[in-house]
Amino acid sequence: MAPAQKSNLRYGENKGHGVHPLERKPRPSRRKGLPQKNGRPFVKSIIREVMGFAPYERRIMELLRNNKDKKAKKLTKKRVGTITRAKKKLDELSAILAESRRAH
């Protein structure tokens, strides 16, 4: 339950000088990680187009093509650090594989 408005009285339940909280501008750190209007996906796609895939990503894609999902997951976890990141990377790479199958 939020405290009630101060009553400017010396005694009583809501005693004390009545003040209003200042409206603060949100700090820039509160925007960290939010999706950008026009930047990140476009830049990432250009980088992927120019640079291609890392060697470990190519190996993982080869394992996924050969239905070695468990081995691919283990290798990905070892390379990227956590199982959550590994699942995200596997989803990304399997989506790319599916797209390339549709193109051919």
C-alpha atoms as a PDB file:
ATOM      1  CA  MET A   1       0.000   0.000   0.000  1.00  0.00           C
ATOM      2  CA  ALA A   2       1.418   3.393  -0.972  1.00  0.00           C
ATOM      3  CA  PRO A   3       1.745   6.020   1.752  1.00  0.00           C
ATOM      4  CA  ALA A   4      -1.036   8.618   1.750  1.00  0.00           C
ATOM      5  CA  GLN A   5      -0.474  12.287   0.875  1.00  0.00           C
ATOM      6  CA  LYS A   6       1.003  14.269   3.794  1.00  0.00           C
ATOM      7  CA  SER A   7      -1.504  16.540   5.460  1.00  0.00           C
ATOM      8  CA  ASN A   8       0.794  19.448   6.542  1.00  0.00           C
ATOM      9  CA  LEU A   9      -0.295  18.789  10.150  1.00  0.00           C
ATOM     10  CA  ARG A  10       2.024  18.231  13.057  1.00  0.00           C
ATOM     11  CA  TYR A  11       0.144  15.254  14.453  1.00  0.00           C
ATOM     12  CA  GLY A  12      -1.924  12.430  13.093  1.00  0.00           C
ATOM     13  CA  GLU A  13      -1.653   9.566  10.697  1.00  0.00           C
ATOM     14  CA  ASN A  14      -0.343  11.552   7.719  1.00  0.00           C
ATOM     15  CA  LYS A  15       1.646  14.149   9.649  1.00  0.00           C
ATOM     16  CA  GLY A  16       4.424  16.039   7.934  1.00  0.00           C
ATOM     17  CA  HIS A  17       5.192  18.575   5.272  1.00  0.00           C
ATOM     18  CA  GLY A  18       3.496  17.780   1.956  1.00  0.00           C
ATOM     19  CA  VAL A  19       5.923  17.381  -0.936  1.00  0.00           C
ATOM     20  CA  HIS A  20       5.559  16.175  -4.520  1.00  0.00           C
ATOM     21  CA  PRO A  21       8.133  13.812  -6.021  1.00  0.00           C
ATOM     22  CA  LEU A  22      10.232  15.305  -8.806  1.00  0.00           C
ATOM     23  CA  GLU A  23       9.586  14.052 -12.325  1.00  0.00           C
ATOM     24  CA  ARG A  24      12.920  12.640 -13.396  1.00  0.00           C
ATOM     25  CA  LYS A  25      14.043  12.116 -16.959  1.00  0.00           C
ATOM     26  CA  PRO A  26      14.743   8.398 -17.555  1.00  0.00           C
ATOM     27  CA  ARG A  27      18.425   7.541 -17.559  1.00  0.00           C
ATOM     28  CA  PRO A  28      20.026   6.376 -20.819  1.00  0.00           C
ATOM     29  CA  SER A  29      20.846   3.029 -19.200  1.00  0.00           C
ATOM     30  CA  ARG A  30      17.105   2.265 -19.130  1.00  0.00           C
ATOM     31  CA  ARG A  31      17.117   2.173 -22.948  1.00  0.00           C
ATOM     32  CA  LYS A  32      19.943  -0.364 -23.143  1.00  0.00           C
ATOM     33  CA  GLY A  33      18.904  -3.483 -25.024  1.00  0.00           C
ATOM     34  CA  LEU A  34      15.673  -2.098 -26.481  1.00  0.00           C
ATOM     35  CA  PRO A  35      15.097  -2.680 -30.195  1.00  0.00           C
ATOM     36  CA  GLN A  36      16.328   0.140 -32.407  1.00  0.00           C
ATOM     37  CA  LYS A  37      14.133   1.956 -34.897  1.00  0.00           C
ATOM     38  CA  ASN A  38      16.236   1.295 -37.976  1.00  0.00           C
ATOM     39  CA  GLY A  39      19.706   0.075 -37.078  1.00  0.00           C
ATOM     40  CA  ARG A  40      20.591  -3.283 -35.634  1.00  0.00           C
ATOM     41  CA  PRO A  41      18.923  -5.935 -37.849  1.00  0.00           C
ATOM     42  CA  PHE A  42      19.972  -4.158 -41.027  1.00  0.00           C
ATOM     43  CA  VAL A  43      23.574  -3.774 -39.879  1.00  0.00           C
ATOM     44  CA  LYS A  44      23.720  -7.392 -38.695  1.00  0.00           C
ATOM     45  CA  SER A  45      22.415  -8.624 -42.051  1.00  0.00           C
ATOM     46  CA  ILE A  46      25.021  -6.587 -43.945  1.00  0.00           C
ATOM     47  CA  ILE A  47      27.823  -7.901 -41.716  1.00  0.00           C
ATOM     48  CA  ARG A  48      26.587 -11.490 -42.182  1.00  0.00           C
ATOM     49  CA  GLU A  49      26.459 -10.965 -45.952  1.00  0.00           C
ATOM     50  CA  VAL A  50      29.985  -9.572 -46.158  1.00  0.00           C
ATOM     51  CA  MET A  51      31.750 -11.749 -43.595  1.00  0.00           C
ATOM     52  CA  GLY A  52      29.917 -15.043 -43.998  1.00  0.00           C
ATOM     53  CA  PHE A  53      29.985 -17.609 -41.202  1.00  0.00           C
ATOM     54  CA  ALA A  54      32.615 -18.367 -38.600  1.00  0.00           C
ATOM     55  CA  PRO A  55      34.300 -21.779 -38.932  1.00  0.00           C
ATOM     56  CA  TYR A  56      32.475 -23.155 -35.885  1.00  0.00           C
ATOM     57  CA  GLU A  57      29.146 -21.978 -37.366  1.00  0.00           C
ATOM     58  CA  ARG A  58      29.901 -23.788 -40.630  1.00  0.00           C
ATOM     59  CA  ARG A  59      30.702 -26.955 -38.670  1.00  0.00           C
ATOM     60  CA  ILE A  60      27.462 -26.662 -36.683  1.00  0.00           C
ATOM     61  CA  MET A  61      25.468 -26.191 -39.890  1.00  0.00           C
ATOM     62  CA  GLU A  62      27.094 -29.328 -41.316  1.00  0.00           C
ATOM     63  CA  LEU A  63      26.117 -31.275 -38.176  1.00  0.00           C
ATOM     64  CA  LEU A  64      22.543 -29.981 -38.443  1.00  0.00           C
ATOM     65  CA  ARG A  65      22.389 -31.046 -42.118  1.00  0.00           C
ATOM     66  CA  ASN A  66      23.427 -34.567 -41.072  1.00  0.00           C
ATOM     67  CA  ASN A  67      20.797 -34.768 -38.273  1.00  0.00           C
ATOM     68  CA  LYS A  68      23.371 -34.720 -35.472  1.00  0.00           C
ATOM     69  CA  ASP A  69      21.383 -32.277 -33.355  1.00  0.00           C
ATOM     70  CA  LYS A  70      22.752 -33.349 -29.973  1.00  0.00           C
ATOM     71  CA  LYS A  71      26.367 -33.049 -31.096  1.00  0.00           C
ATOM     72  CA  ALA A  72      25.577 -29.671 -32.662  1.00  0.00           C
ATOM     73  CA  LYS A  73      24.043 -28.467 -29.393  1.00  0.00           C
ATOM     74  CA  LYS A  74      27.051 -29.636 -27.373  1.00  0.00           C
ATOM     75  CA  LEU A  75      29.521 -27.972 -29.741  1.00  0.00           C
ATOM     76  CA  THR A  76      27.518 -24.746 -29.795  1.00  0.00           C
ATOM     77  CA  LYS A  77      27.333 -24.625 -25.994  1.00  0.00           C
ATOM     78  CA  LYS A  78      31.081 -25.112 -25.778  1.00  0.00           C
ATOM     79  CA  ARG A  79      31.709 -22.279 -28.252  1.00  0.00           C
ATOM     80  CA  VAL A  80      29.209 -19.646 -27.063  1.00  0.00           C
ATOM     81  CA  GLY A  81      29.221 -20.289 -23.317  1.00  0.00           C
ATOM     82  CA  THR A  82      25.681 -20.907 -22.054  1.00  0.00           C
ATOM     83  CA  ILE A  83      22.877 -23.240 -23.062  1.00  0.00           C
ATOM     84  CA  THR A  84      20.515 -20.293 -23.628  1.00  0.00           C
ATOM     85  CA  ARG A  85      22.918 -18.656 -26.081  1.00  0.00           C
ATOM     86  CA  ALA A  86      23.504 -22.034 -27.703  1.00  0.00           C
ATOM     87  CA  LYS A  87      19.773 -22.582 -28.282  1.00  0.00           C
ATOM     88  CA  LYS A  88      19.451 -19.105 -29.777  1.00  0.00           C
ATOM     89  CA  LYS A  89      22.428 -19.705 -32.105  1.00  0.00           C
ATOM     90  CA  LEU A  90      21.068 -23.125 -33.162  1.00  0.00           C
ATOM     91  CA  ASP A  91      17.674 -21.590 -33.958  1.00  0.00           C
ATOM     92  CA  GLU A  92      19.384 -18.880 -36.007  1.00  0.00           C
ATOM     93  CA  LEU A  93      21.527 -21.361 -37.968  1.00  0.00           C
ATOM     94  CA  SER A  94      18.689 -23.838 -38.530  1.00  0.00           C
ATOM     95  CA  ALA A  95      16.517 -20.972 -39.846  1.00  0.00           C
ATOM     96  CA  ILE A  96      19.305 -20.061 -42.285  1.00  0.00           C
ATOM     97  CA  LEU A  97      19.522 -23.709 -43.396  1.00  0.00           C
ATOM     98  CA  ALA A  98      15.762 -23.904 -43.905  1.00  0.00           C
ATOM     99  CA  GLU A  99      15.832 -20.673 -45.929  1.00  0.00           C
ATOM    100  CA  SER A 100      18.635 -21.981 -48.138  1.00  0.00           C
ATOM    101  CA  ARG A 101      16.659 -25.225 -48.740  1.00  0.00           C
ATOM    102  CA  ARG A 102      13.634 -23.181 -49.790  1.00  0.00           C
ATOM    103  CA  ALA A 103      15.796 -21.120 -52.177  1.00  0.00           C
ATOM    104  CA  HIS A 104      17.067 -24.237 -54.002  1.00  0.00           C
END
